[in-house]
């Protein structure tokens, strides 16, 4: 990966880089490698850790280098500031698909791919815990694992989490994509993989891209149908979680599973 301080591509001002700076490109004459080392994003990270970096500086390091336009050189920090001005915040940038990122001047497919890979790595790391086993004791345990992976999805997906007799997660399976209203969640598809995995019980979950954590009538109907099927199969359905942004709803806590 190219360095954020690459002198062939980056040019910016002194080290004070506010995320939403409105200074014109002409004000950034010195390339990043000519800055005082304490102001260079990469050097700042190496000396003081990532916590001292602004959002624009973090984006600059991920982007790796700036670019050149008809108006002159644009530094990686300036590209980061442009992304923040365009989309609103680092969180908002992280949710943008590649086709939106490349519409920003200076962000090509390679830079957009770096950003998307970095944000996905963050989501996956947030969903994982130290050690190989996750034991489920409450709905929050499941949400902690799968929430970061599902909260930013643009379409609904329905997953089934497989548990052993100690309520330890042994696997998961995506049953359907596209929304419960437009795709049928068949009990056969839910329990077929659970049988192959020798699951003792399962937990269902799906996401609401709208951010509304309230279950729909369709959610409740499907949940009750799966609970009854699980009783017949000898594989209990312990819960059905709805992931909606940073929130989640447990249908077991709502009494739907009874």
Protein backbone atom coordinates (compact mmCIF):
# COMPACT_ATOMS: atom_id res chain seq x y z
CA UNK A 1 0.00 0.00 0.00
CA UNK A 2 1.25 3.49 -0.83
CA UNK A 3 2.25 5.74 2.03
CA UNK A 4 0.08 8.68 3.10
CA UNK A 5 3.26 10.78 3.09
CA UNK A 6 4.20 9.93 -0.52
CA UNK A 7 5.90 13.14 -1.78
CA UNK A 8 4.94 12.41 -5.38
CA UNK A 9 1.25 12.79 -4.73
CA UNK A 10 0.54 14.62 -1.48
CA UNK A 11 0.55 18.31 -0.77
CA UNK A 12 -1.03 20.02 2.20
CA UNK A 13 -0.66 22.77 4.77
CA UNK A 14 0.77 22.78 8.24
CA UNK A 15 -0.19 19.93 10.51
CA UNK A 16 -3.47 21.36 11.83
CA UNK A 17 -6.02 19.47 9.75
CA UNK A 18 -9.59 20.03 10.83
CA UNK A 19 -11.93 17.44 9.38
CA UNK A 20 -14.21 20.04 7.82
CA UNK A 21 -11.62 22.62 6.80
CA UNK A 22 -12.72 24.94 4.01
CA UNK A 23 -9.23 26.21 3.13
CA UNK A 24 -8.62 26.29 -0.63
CA UNK A 25 -6.19 23.93 -2.32
CA UNK A 26 -3.85 26.85 -3.03
CA UNK A 27 -3.15 27.16 0.69
CA UNK A 28 -1.53 23.72 0.74
CA UNK A 29 1.86 24.20 -0.86
CA UNK A 30 4.26 22.02 1.13
CA UNK A 31 4.08 18.27 0.48
CA UNK A 32 3.33 16.13 3.51
CA UNK A 33 6.89 14.79 3.64
CA UNK A 34 8.11 18.37 4.16
CA UNK A 35 5.92 18.94 7.22
CA UNK A 36 7.28 18.72 10.70
CA UNK A 37 7.25 14.96 11.48
CA UNK A 38 4.99 15.56 14.47
CA UNK A 39 2.31 16.82 12.06
CA UNK A 40 2.51 14.05 9.46
CA UNK A 41 -0.41 11.60 9.89
CA UNK A 42 1.70 8.48 9.70
CA UNK A 43 4.36 9.82 12.04
CA UNK A 44 1.70 11.06 14.46
CA UNK A 45 0.23 7.58 14.58
CA UNK A 46 3.62 5.94 15.12
CA UNK A 47 4.55 8.34 17.90
CA UNK A 48 1.25 8.76 19.74
CA UNK A 49 -1.07 6.03 18.50
CA UNK A 50 -4.21 6.35 16.37
CA UNK A 51 -6.26 8.08 19.06
CA UNK A 52 -4.58 11.41 18.38
CA UNK A 53 -5.48 11.49 14.69
CA UNK A 54 -8.38 13.42 13.24
CA UNK A 55 -10.93 11.56 11.11
CA UNK A 56 -9.42 13.13 7.97
CA UNK A 57 -5.93 11.96 8.95
CA UNK A 58 -7.19 8.40 9.52
CA UNK A 59 -8.79 8.43 6.08
CA UNK A 60 -5.55 9.81 4.63
CA UNK A 61 -3.56 6.86 5.94
CA UNK A 62 -6.15 4.41 4.59
CA UNK A 63 -6.18 6.13 1.19
CA UNK A 64 -2.39 5.88 1.05
CA UNK A 65 -1.75 8.89 -1.19
CA UNK A 66 -3.29 11.98 -2.64
CA UNK A 67 -3.92 12.76 -6.28
CA UNK A 68 -3.39 15.43 -8.92
CA UNK A 69 -6.15 17.42 -10.55
CA UNK A 70 -6.32 20.23 -13.10
CA UNK A 71 -6.30 22.61 -10.13
CA UNK A 72 -3.08 21.14 -8.75
CA UNK A 73 -2.06 18.48 -6.24
CA UNK A 74 -4.54 17.30 -3.62
CA UNK A 75 -3.19 15.62 -0.51
CA UNK A 76 -4.54 12.48 1.10
CA UNK A 77 -5.63 14.61 4.07
CA UNK A 78 -7.61 16.87 1.75
CA UNK A 79 -9.25 13.84 0.16
CA UNK A 80 -10.22 12.71 3.64
CA UNK A 81 -11.70 16.13 4.38
CA UNK A 82 -13.62 16.02 1.10
CA UNK A 83 -15.09 12.63 1.96
CA UNK A 84 -16.21 13.94 5.35
CA UNK A 85 -17.74 17.07 3.86
CA UNK A 86 -19.51 15.01 1.20
CA UNK A 87 -20.98 12.31 3.43
CA UNK A 88 -21.09 13.94 6.86
CA UNK A 89 -19.00 11.77 9.21
CA UNK A 90 -16.59 8.86 9.35
CA UNK A 91 -19.51 6.56 10.18
CA UNK A 92 -21.40 7.82 7.13
CA UNK A 93 -18.35 7.25 4.91
CA UNK A 94 -18.08 3.68 6.20
CA UNK A 95 -21.60 2.88 4.99
CA UNK A 96 -21.17 4.10 1.41
CA UNK A 97 -20.94 1.60 -1.45
CA UNK A 98 -18.10 1.78 -3.94
CA UNK A 99 -20.22 3.46 -6.61
CA UNK A 100 -20.83 6.43 -4.29
CA UNK A 101 -17.24 6.70 -3.07
CA UNK A 102 -15.80 6.88 -6.59
CA UNK A 103 -18.06 9.83 -7.39
CA UNK A 104 -15.89 11.93 -5.07
CA UNK A 105 -13.23 13.73 -7.06
CA UNK A 106 -9.87 12.07 -6.50
CA UNK A 107 -11.29 8.77 -5.22
CA UNK A 108 -10.80 6.03 -7.79
CA UNK A 109 -11.72 2.34 -7.56
CA UNK A 110 -8.43 1.42 -5.85
CA UNK A 111 -8.79 4.03 -3.09
CA UNK A 112 -12.48 3.21 -2.63
CA UNK A 113 -11.66 -0.49 -2.34
CA UNK A 114 -9.06 0.25 0.36
CA UNK A 115 -11.60 2.19 2.37
CA UNK A 116 -14.30 -0.46 2.03
CA UNK A 117 -11.87 -3.23 3.03
CA UNK A 118 -10.73 -1.26 6.10
CA UNK A 119 -14.30 -0.58 7.24
CA UNK A 120 -15.29 -4.22 6.71
CA UNK A 121 -12.27 -5.31 8.75
CA UNK A 122 -13.51 -3.03 11.53
CA UNK A 123 -16.98 -4.55 11.42
CA UNK A 124 -15.65 -8.09 11.47
CA UNK A 125 -13.22 -7.42 14.30
CA UNK A 126 -16.03 -5.83 16.31
CA UNK A 127 -18.08 -9.01 15.88
CA UNK A 128 -15.36 -11.32 17.14
CA UNK A 129 -14.29 -12.04 20.68
CA UNK A 130 -11.04 -13.34 22.04
CA UNK A 131 -10.91 -17.11 22.00
CA UNK A 132 -12.61 -19.52 19.66
CA UNK A 133 -15.87 -20.06 21.51
CA UNK A 134 -18.79 -17.73 22.19
CA UNK A 135 -21.31 -18.95 24.74
CA UNK A 136 -24.77 -17.43 24.50
CA UNK A 137 -26.34 -16.43 27.81
CA UNK A 138 -28.63 -13.63 26.68
CA UNK A 139 -29.80 -11.91 23.47
CA UNK A 140 -27.04 -9.32 23.85
CA UNK A 141 -24.41 -12.02 23.38
CA UNK A 142 -25.78 -12.83 19.94
CA UNK A 143 -26.21 -9.16 19.03
CA UNK A 144 -22.60 -8.47 20.02
CA UNK A 145 -21.38 -11.04 17.51
CA UNK A 146 -23.72 -10.44 14.60
CA UNK A 147 -24.81 -6.83 15.08
CA UNK A 148 -21.63 -5.28 13.62
CA UNK A 149 -21.90 -7.54 10.57
CA UNK A 150 -25.59 -6.88 9.87
CA UNK A 151 -26.40 -3.37 11.03
CA UNK A 152 -25.14 -1.59 7.89
CA UNK A 153 -26.56 -3.97 5.28
CA UNK A 154 -28.79 -2.37 2.66
CA UNK A 155 -31.11 -5.38 2.32
CA UNK A 156 -32.60 -7.80 4.80
CA UNK A 157 -30.92 -11.12 5.37
CA UNK A 158 -32.19 -13.97 7.55
CA UNK A 159 -29.58 -15.97 9.47
CA UNK A 160 -29.77 -18.99 11.72
CA UNK A 161 -27.17 -19.38 14.48
CA UNK A 162 -26.39 -22.95 15.52
CA UNK A 163 -25.70 -23.81 19.17
CA UNK A 164 -24.45 -26.95 20.89
CA UNK A 165 -25.80 -28.34 24.16
CA UNK A 166 -23.72 -25.78 26.12
CA UNK A 167 -25.22 -22.88 24.09
CA UNK A 168 -21.88 -22.28 22.37
CA UNK A 169 -22.08 -20.98 18.81
CA UNK A 170 -20.88 -23.68 16.44
CA UNK A 171 -21.87 -22.05 13.17
CA UNK A 172 -24.41 -19.98 11.27
CA UNK A 173 -26.23 -20.13 7.99
CA UNK A 174 -27.82 -17.49 5.75
CA UNK A 175 -31.26 -18.76 4.82
CA UNK A 176 -32.50 -15.90 2.63
CA UNK A 177 -31.69 -12.44 1.36
CA UNK A 178 -33.88 -9.62 0.18
CA UNK A 179 -36.41 -9.18 2.94
CA UNK A 180 -38.93 -11.37 4.70
CA UNK A 181 -41.80 -9.82 2.75
CA UNK A 182 -40.25 -10.71 -0.61
CA UNK A 183 -38.62 -14.06 0.18
CA UNK A 184 -40.15 -17.00 2.00
CA UNK A 185 -38.30 -18.37 5.01
CA UNK A 186 -39.08 -22.07 4.87
CA UNK A 187 -38.65 -24.21 8.00
CA UNK A 188 -36.95 -26.84 5.88
CA UNK A 189 -34.18 -24.40 4.91
CA UNK A 190 -33.79 -23.28 8.53
CA UNK A 191 -33.40 -26.74 10.04
CA UNK A 192 -31.72 -28.62 7.19
CA UNK A 193 -28.31 -27.03 7.83
CA UNK A 194 -28.83 -27.19 11.61
CA UNK A 195 -29.23 -30.97 11.33
CA UNK A 196 -26.06 -31.23 9.23
CA UNK A 197 -24.18 -29.20 11.87
CA UNK A 198 -25.60 -31.40 14.64
CA UNK A 199 -27.00 -28.29 16.35
CA UNK A 200 -28.80 -28.79 19.65
CA UNK A 201 -30.74 -25.54 19.23
CA UNK A 202 -30.87 -22.45 17.04
CA UNK A 203 -31.36 -18.71 17.23
CA UNK A 204 -32.79 -16.84 14.26
CA UNK A 205 -31.98 -13.27 13.41
CA UNK A 206 -32.48 -10.78 10.63
CA UNK A 207 -31.80 -7.10 10.10
CA UNK A 208 -34.03 -4.10 9.46
CA UNK A 209 -32.17 -1.70 7.13
CA UNK A 210 -34.74 0.98 8.02
CA UNK A 211 -33.33 1.13 11.55
CA UNK A 212 -36.74 0.36 13.08
CA UNK A 213 -36.26 -2.43 15.68
CA UNK A 214 -39.97 -3.20 16.02
CA UNK A 215 -41.09 -6.62 14.70
CA UNK A 216 -43.62 -6.70 11.90
CA UNK A 217 -46.60 -9.02 11.78
CA UNK A 218 -44.67 -11.04 9.23
CA UNK A 219 -41.73 -11.32 11.65
CA UNK A 220 -44.02 -12.62 14.39
CA UNK A 221 -45.83 -15.04 12.09
CA UNK A 222 -42.60 -16.56 10.78
CA UNK A 223 -41.15 -16.78 14.29
CA UNK A 224 -44.12 -18.74 15.62
CA UNK A 225 -44.04 -21.00 12.59
CA UNK A 226 -40.36 -21.78 13.17
CA UNK A 227 -40.87 -22.36 16.90
CA UNK A 228 -43.51 -25.00 16.13
CA UNK A 229 -41.31 -26.61 13.48
CA UNK A 230 -38.41 -26.69 15.93
CA UNK A 231 -40.51 -28.56 18.46
CA UNK A 232 -41.31 -31.22 15.87
CA UNK A 233 -37.67 -31.46 14.80
CA UNK A 234 -36.33 -31.63 18.34
CA UNK A 235 -34.22 -28.51 17.70
CA UNK A 236 -35.63 -25.68 19.82
CA UNK A 237 -35.64 -22.10 18.54
CA UNK A 238 -34.44 -20.12 21.54
CA UNK A 239 -34.92 -16.65 20.11
CA UNK A 240 -35.38 -14.49 17.05
CA UNK A 241 -33.42 -11.23 17.06
CA UNK A 242 -34.00 -8.17 14.93
CA UNK A 243 -30.84 -6.12 14.27
CA UNK A 244 -31.62 -2.46 13.55
CA UNK A 245 -28.59 -0.19 13.52
CA UNK A 246 -26.98 -0.31 16.95
CA UNK A 247 -30.21 -1.59 18.53
CA UNK A 248 -31.68 -5.06 18.66
CA UNK A 249 -35.01 -6.60 19.66
CA UNK A 250 -35.46 -10.07 21.14
CA UNK A 251 -38.75 -11.71 20.26
CA UNK A 252 -38.19 -14.13 23.15
CA UNK A 253 -38.16 -11.18 25.54
CA UNK A 254 -41.35 -9.96 23.88
CA UNK A 255 -43.01 -13.30 24.66
CA UNK A 256 -43.43 -14.27 20.99
CA UNK A 257 -41.66 -17.63 21.41
CA UNK A 258 -44.18 -18.93 23.97
